C-alpha atoms as a PDB file:
ATOM      1  CA  MET A   1     141.846  32.328 162.263  1.00  0.00           C
ATOM      2  CA  LYS A   2     140.544  35.900 162.704  1.00  0.00           C
ATOM      3  CA  ARG A   3     142.642  37.070 159.730  1.00  0.00           C
ATOM      4  CA  GLY A   4     140.799  34.808 157.311  1.00  0.00           C
ATOM      5  CA  VAL A   5     137.437  35.974 158.445  1.00  0.00           C
ATOM      6  CA  ASN A   6     138.379  39.682 158.027  1.00  0.00           C
ATOM      7  CA  GLY A   7     139.796  38.967 154.599  1.00  0.00           C
ATOM      8  CA  GLN A   8     136.631  37.146 153.525  1.00  0.00           C
ATOM      9  CA  VAL A   9     134.440  40.079 154.662  1.00  0.00           C
ATOM     10  CA  TRP A  10     136.465  42.506 152.512  1.00  0.00           C
ATOM     11  CA  VAL A  11     136.355  40.212 149.480  1.00  0.00           C
ATOM     12  CA  GLU A  12     132.604  39.901 149.827  1.00  0.00           C
ATOM     13  CA  THR A  13     132.203  43.679 150.242  1.00  0.00           C
ATOM     14  CA  VAL A  14     134.234  44.404 147.110  1.00  0.00           C
ATOM     15  CA  THR A  15     132.404  41.701 145.154  1.00  0.00           C
ATOM     16  CA  TYR A  16     128.956  42.991 146.125  1.00  0.00           C
ATOM     17  CA  THR A  17     130.030  46.554 145.356  1.00  0.00           C
ATOM     18  CA  LEU A  18     131.202  45.530 141.911  1.00  0.00           C
ATOM     19  CA  ILE A  19     127.986  43.628 141.224  1.00  0.00           C
ATOM     20  CA  ALA A  20     125.948  46.735 142.265  1.00  0.00           C
ATOM     21  CA  ILE A  21     128.030  49.019 139.980  1.00  0.00           C
ATOM     22  CA  VAL A  22     127.577  46.617 137.066  1.00  0.00           C
ATOM     23  CA  MET A  23     123.823  46.467 137.680  1.00  0.00           C
ATOM     24  CA  ILE A  24     123.570  50.288 137.767  1.00  0.00           C
ATOM     25  CA  GLY A  25     125.595  50.416 134.498  1.00  0.00           C
ATOM     26  CA  LEU A  26     123.233  47.953 132.846  1.00  0.00           C
ATOM     27  CA  VAL A  27     120.138  49.862 133.890  1.00  0.00           C
ATOM     28  CA  LEU A  28     121.621  53.132 132.651  1.00  0.00           C
ATOM     29  CA  SER A  29     122.600  51.654 129.338  1.00  0.00           C
ATOM     30  CA  PHE A  30     118.954  50.771 128.679  1.00  0.00           C
ATOM     31  CA  ALA A  31     117.330  53.766 130.371  1.00  0.00           C
ATOM     32  CA  LYS A  32     119.466  56.567 128.976  1.00  0.00           C
ATOM     33  CA  PRO A  33     118.428  56.084 125.285  1.00  0.00           C
ATOM     34  CA  LYS A  34     114.777  55.922 126.381  1.00  0.00           C
ATOM     35  CA  ILE A  35     115.120  59.117 128.389  1.00  0.00           C
ATOM     36  CA  GLU A  36     116.816  60.875 125.383  1.00  0.00           C
ATOM     37  CA  GLU A  37     114.006  59.636 123.096  1.00  0.00           C
ATOM     38  CA  LEU A  38     111.355  61.117 125.425  1.00  0.00           C
ATOM     39  CA  GLN A  39     113.275  64.397 125.615  1.00  0.00           C
ATOM     40  CA  ASP A  40     113.516  64.497 121.757  1.00  0.00           C
ATOM     41  CA  LYS A  41     109.785  63.748 121.498  1.00  0.00           C
ATOM     42  CA  THR A  42     109.018  66.739 123.737  1.00  0.00           C
ATOM     43  CA  ILE A  43     111.338  69.044 121.763  1.00  0.00           C
ATOM     44  CA  ILE A  44     109.801  67.989 118.477  1.00  0.00           C
ATOM     45  CA  GLU A  45     106.252  68.546 119.747  1.00  0.00           C
ATOM     46  CA  GLN A  46     107.209  71.949 121.101  1.00  0.00           C
ATOM     47  CA  SER A  47     108.826  72.831 117.734  1.00  0.00           C
ATOM     48  CA  VAL A  48     105.676  71.781 115.830  1.00  0.00           C
ATOM     49  CA  GLN A  49     103.623  73.954 118.184  1.00  0.00           C
ATOM     50  CA  MET A  50     106.112  76.872 117.736  1.00  0.00           C
ATOM     51  CA  PHE A  51     105.934  76.604 113.907  1.00  0.00           C
ATOM     52  CA  LYS A  52     102.094  76.582 114.075  1.00  0.00           C
ATOM     53  CA  GLU A  53     102.274  79.774 116.112  1.00  0.00           C
ATOM     54  CA  PHE A  54     104.823  81.160 113.676  1.00  0.00           C
ATOM     55  CA  ASP A  55     102.449  80.463 110.796  1.00  0.00           C
ATOM     56  CA  LEU A  56      99.625  82.195 112.573  1.00  0.00           C
ATOM     57  CA  VAL A  57     101.836  85.313 113.175  1.00  0.00           C
ATOM     58  CA  MET A  58     102.972  85.295 109.536  1.00  0.00           C
ATOM     59  CA  LYS A  59      99.327  85.270 108.389  1.00  0.00           C
ATOM     60  CA  GLU A  60      98.377  88.039 110.807  1.00  0.00           C
ATOM     61  CA  VAL A  61     101.306  90.175 109.714  1.00  0.00           C
ATOM     62  CA  GLY A  62     100.693  89.434 106.068  1.00  0.00           C
ATOM     63  CA  GLU A  63      97.052  90.406 106.240  1.00  0.00           C
ATOM     64  CA  GLY A  64      97.852  93.605 108.188  1.00  0.00           C
ATOM     65  CA  VAL A  65      99.020  96.989 107.037  1.00  0.00           C
ATOM     66  CA  VAL A  66     102.544  97.875 105.950  1.00  0.00           C
ATOM     67  CA  GLY A  67     104.744  98.259 109.033  1.00  0.00           C
ATOM     68  CA  ASN A  68     102.725  95.727 111.047  1.00  0.00           C
ATOM     69  CA  THR A  69     105.216  93.892 113.350  1.00  0.00           C
ATOM     70  CA  ARG A  70     104.838  90.934 115.709  1.00  0.00           C
ATOM     71  CA  MET A  71     107.389  89.373 118.059  1.00  0.00           C
ATOM     72  CA  ILE A  72     107.804  85.682 118.726  1.00  0.00           C
ATOM     73  CA  GLU A  73     109.848  84.558 121.711  1.00  0.00           C
ATOM     74  CA  THR A  74     111.305  81.049 121.418  1.00  0.00           C
ATOM     75  CA  THR A  75     114.066  78.903 122.951  1.00  0.00           C
ATOM     76  CA  LEU A  76     115.855  76.320 120.849  1.00  0.00           C
ATOM     77  CA  LYS A  77     117.199  73.575 123.066  1.00  0.00           C
ATOM     78  CA  LYS A  78     118.100  71.358 120.131  1.00  0.00           C
ATOM     79  CA  GLY A  79     118.113  71.771 116.400  1.00  0.00           C
ATOM     80  CA  SER A  80     118.064  74.955 114.272  1.00  0.00           C
ATOM     81  CA  ILE A  81     115.723  77.172 112.337  1.00  0.00           C
ATOM     82  CA  LYS A  82     116.720  78.157 108.829  1.00  0.00           C
ATOM     83  CA  VAL A  83     115.222  81.251 107.255  1.00  0.00           C
ATOM     84  CA  ASN A  84     115.580  80.653 103.508  1.00  0.00           C
ATOM     85  CA  PRO A  85     114.578  83.783 101.488  1.00  0.00           C
ATOM     86  CA  ALA A  86     115.627  82.110  98.200  1.00  0.00           C
ATOM     87  CA  ASN A  87     112.742  79.622  98.520  1.00  0.00           C
ATOM     88  CA  ASP A  88     110.538  81.709 100.868  1.00  0.00           C
ATOM     89  CA  THR A  89     110.624  78.969 103.461  1.00  0.00           C
ATOM     90  CA  LEU A  90     111.250  78.491 107.173  1.00  0.00           C
ATOM     91  CA  ILE A  91     112.742  75.162 108.146  1.00  0.00           C
ATOM     92  CA  PHE A  92     113.369  73.530 111.497  1.00  0.00           C
ATOM     93  CA  GLU A  93     115.912  70.731 111.481  1.00  0.00           C
ATOM     94  CA  MET A  94     116.879  68.404 114.345  1.00  0.00           C
ATOM     95  CA  LYS A  95     118.495  64.982 114.692  1.00  0.00           C
ATOM     96  CA  GLY A  96     117.202  62.850 117.618  1.00  0.00           C
ATOM     97  CA  ARG A  97     116.248  59.424 118.782  1.00  0.00           C
ATOM     98  CA  TYR A  98     112.458  59.925 118.408  1.00  0.00           C
ATOM     99  CA  GLN A  99     110.681  58.849 115.218  1.00  0.00           C
ATOM    100  CA  TYR A 100     107.945  61.479 114.823  1.00  0.00           C
ATOM    101  CA  SER A 101     106.378  60.179 111.589  1.00  0.00           C
ATOM    102  CA  GLN A 102     106.827  57.423 109.041  1.00  0.00           C
ATOM    103  CA  PRO A 103     110.431  57.549 107.757  1.00  0.00           C
ATOM    104  CA  LYS A 104     111.081  58.710 104.175  1.00  0.00           C
ATOM    105  CA  GLN A 105     107.569  60.162 103.780  1.00  0.00           C
ATOM    106  CA  THR A 106     106.303  63.735 104.086  1.00  0.00           C
ATOM    107  CA  TYR A 107     103.528  64.236 106.579  1.00  0.00           C
ATOM    108  CA  GLN A 108     101.273  67.297 106.402  1.00  0.00           C
ATOM    109  CA  GLU A 109     100.013  68.869 109.665  1.00  0.00           C
ATOM    110  CA  GLY A 110      98.127  71.965 108.606  1.00  0.00           C
ATOM    111  CA  ALA A 111     100.577  74.292 106.827  1.00  0.00           C
ATOM    112  CA  LEU A 112     103.545  72.263 108.108  1.00  0.00           C
ATOM    113  CA  SER A 113     105.415  69.700 106.027  1.00  0.00           C
ATOM    114  CA  ILE A 114     107.106  67.193 108.361  1.00  0.00           C
ATOM    115  CA  TYR A 115     109.732  64.834 107.019  1.00  0.00           C
ATOM    116  CA  THR A 116     111.390  62.121 109.108  1.00  0.00           C
ATOM    117  CA  ASP A 117     114.539  60.412 107.793  1.00  0.00           C
ATOM    118  CA  THR A 118     116.658  57.587 109.223  1.00  0.00           C
ATOM    119  CA  ASP A 119     120.366  57.587 110.130  1.00  0.00           C
ATOM    120  CA  GLY A 120     121.105  54.522 112.124  1.00  0.00           C
ATOM    121  CA  LYS A 121     119.578  54.842 115.610  1.00  0.00           C
ATOM    122  CA  TYR A 122     118.807  58.548 114.927  1.00  0.00           C
ATOM    123  CA  PHE A 123     115.936  60.216 113.068  1.00  0.00           C
ATOM    124  CA  PRO A 124     116.695  63.588 111.393  1.00  0.00           C
ATOM    125  CA  ILE A 125     113.451  65.546 111.258  1.00  0.00           C
ATOM    126  CA  THR A 126     112.662  68.509 109.070  1.00  0.00           C
ATOM    127  CA  ILE A 127     109.631  70.757 109.626  1.00  0.00           C
ATOM    128  CA  THR A 128     108.954  73.200 106.734  1.00  0.00           C
ATOM    129  CA  LEU A 129     106.702  76.234 106.346  1.00  0.00           C
ATOM    130  CA  ASN A 130     106.563  77.163 102.660  1.00  0.00           C
ATOM    131  CA  TYR A 131     105.368  80.650 101.715  1.00  0.00           C
ATOM    132  CA  SER A 132     106.475  80.512  98.061  1.00  0.00           C
ATOM    133  CA  GLY A 133     103.917  82.419  95.957  1.00  0.00           C
ATOM    134  CA  ILE A 134     102.311  83.881  99.112  1.00  0.00           C
ATOM    135  CA  TYR A 135     105.021  86.085 100.691  1.00  0.00           C
ATOM    136  CA  ASN A 136     108.475  87.208  99.694  1.00  0.00           C
ATOM    137  CA  ILE A 137     110.462  86.350 102.813  1.00  0.00           C
ATOM    138  CA  THR A 138     113.602  88.328 103.646  1.00  0.00           C
ATOM    139  CA  TYR A 139     115.975  88.280 106.566  1.00  0.00           C
ATOM    140  CA  SER A 140     117.105  91.830 107.755  1.00  0.00           C
ATOM    141  CA  SER A 141     115.620  93.109 104.520  1.00  0.00           C
ATOM    142  CA  LEU A 142     118.064  91.065 102.456  1.00  0.00           C
ATOM    143  CA  GLU A 143     117.724  87.824 100.522  1.00  0.00           C
ATOM    144  CA  ASN A 144     120.410  86.191 102.704  1.00  0.00           C
ATOM    145  CA  GLN A 145     119.855  82.811 104.400  1.00  0.00           C
ATOM    146  CA  LYS A 146     120.012  82.851 108.200  1.00  0.00           C
ATOM    147  CA  ILE A 147     120.461  79.903 110.508  1.00  0.00           C
ATOM    148  CA  ILE A 148     119.145  80.375 114.084  1.00  0.00           C
ATOM    149  CA  SER A 149     120.955  77.736 116.167  1.00  0.00           C
ATOM    150  CA  LYS A 150     120.210  76.259 119.627  1.00  0.00           C
ATOM    151  CA  SER A 151     120.673  78.539 122.571  1.00  0.00           C
ATOM    152  CA  SER A 152     119.931  78.457 126.285  1.00  0.00           C
ATOM    153  CA  THR A 153     118.583  82.020 126.139  1.00  0.00           C
ATOM    154  CA  PRO A 154     115.353  82.812 124.292  1.00  0.00           C
ATOM    155  CA  TYR A 155     115.376  84.378 120.836  1.00  0.00           C
ATOM    156  CA  GLU A 156     113.133  87.269 120.004  1.00  0.00           C
ATOM    157  CA  ILE A 157     112.094  86.886 116.406  1.00  0.00           C
ATOM    158  CA  TYR A 158     110.431  89.969 114.792  1.00  0.00           C
ATOM    159  CA  VAL A 159     108.149  89.457 111.800  1.00  0.00           C
ATOM    160  CA  SER A 160     107.158  92.639 109.948  1.00  0.00           C
ATOM    161  CA  LYS A 161     105.328  93.553 106.804  1.00  0.00           C
ATOM    162  CA  LYS A 162     107.334  95.625 104.333  1.00  0.00           C
ATOM    163  CA  GLY A 163     104.667  95.609 101.636  1.00  0.00           C
ATOM    164  CA  GLY A 164     105.196  96.251  97.992  1.00  0.00           C
ATOM    165  CA  ALA A 165     103.980  94.258  94.998  1.00  0.00           C
ATOM    166  CA  SER A 166     105.802  91.152  96.217  1.00  0.00           C
ATOM    167  CA  ASN A 167     104.024  91.202  99.679  1.00  0.00           C
ATOM    168  CA  GLN A 168     107.397  91.281 101.464  1.00  0.00           C
ATOM    169  CA  ILE A 169     107.620  89.913 104.995  1.00  0.00           C
ATOM    170  CA  ASN A 170     110.885  90.661 106.873  1.00  0.00           C
ATOM    171  CA  ILE A 171     112.266  88.485 109.682  1.00  0.00           C
ATOM    172  CA  GLU A 172     114.901  89.640 112.171  1.00  0.00           C
ATOM    173  CA  THR A 173     116.311  88.255 115.473  1.00  0.00           C
ATOM    174  CA  ASN A 174     117.748  89.975 118.485  1.00  0.00           C
END
């Protein structure tokens, strides 16, 4: 008779353990996407703030004398920054779970143009600073496009005024 009781205790223990594991799995399946969405929201808000600061530095350097240089330190945890000299634009791109603005519509926030797209359960977001007609943007004094990708270490981005008739602004990274 004792054998049956011991066997029943083990069956109950295994059953309760499996139920607990299933419950934890269910909670995580609902909580993880929400946590990722909140992380993406924070990253997007930080990126918007970073681009506002970048715009301020660009204007300070552009209004200064030739040789004027400023440094911006930034960390990209997700997404990338594209320096596009052909169009004189700076673009931040990221794909995340957070919907920052109305999908398929451009939203203006100061000098920033923010566009949210849809891709299933993800929302690709593009933040653009357009200096076309204001500054001639170059990267390392060339008209080459540069993509600054995510990194755990901070980037030092140098913005300097080269001058000339085209009001050239040069961008370099460390």
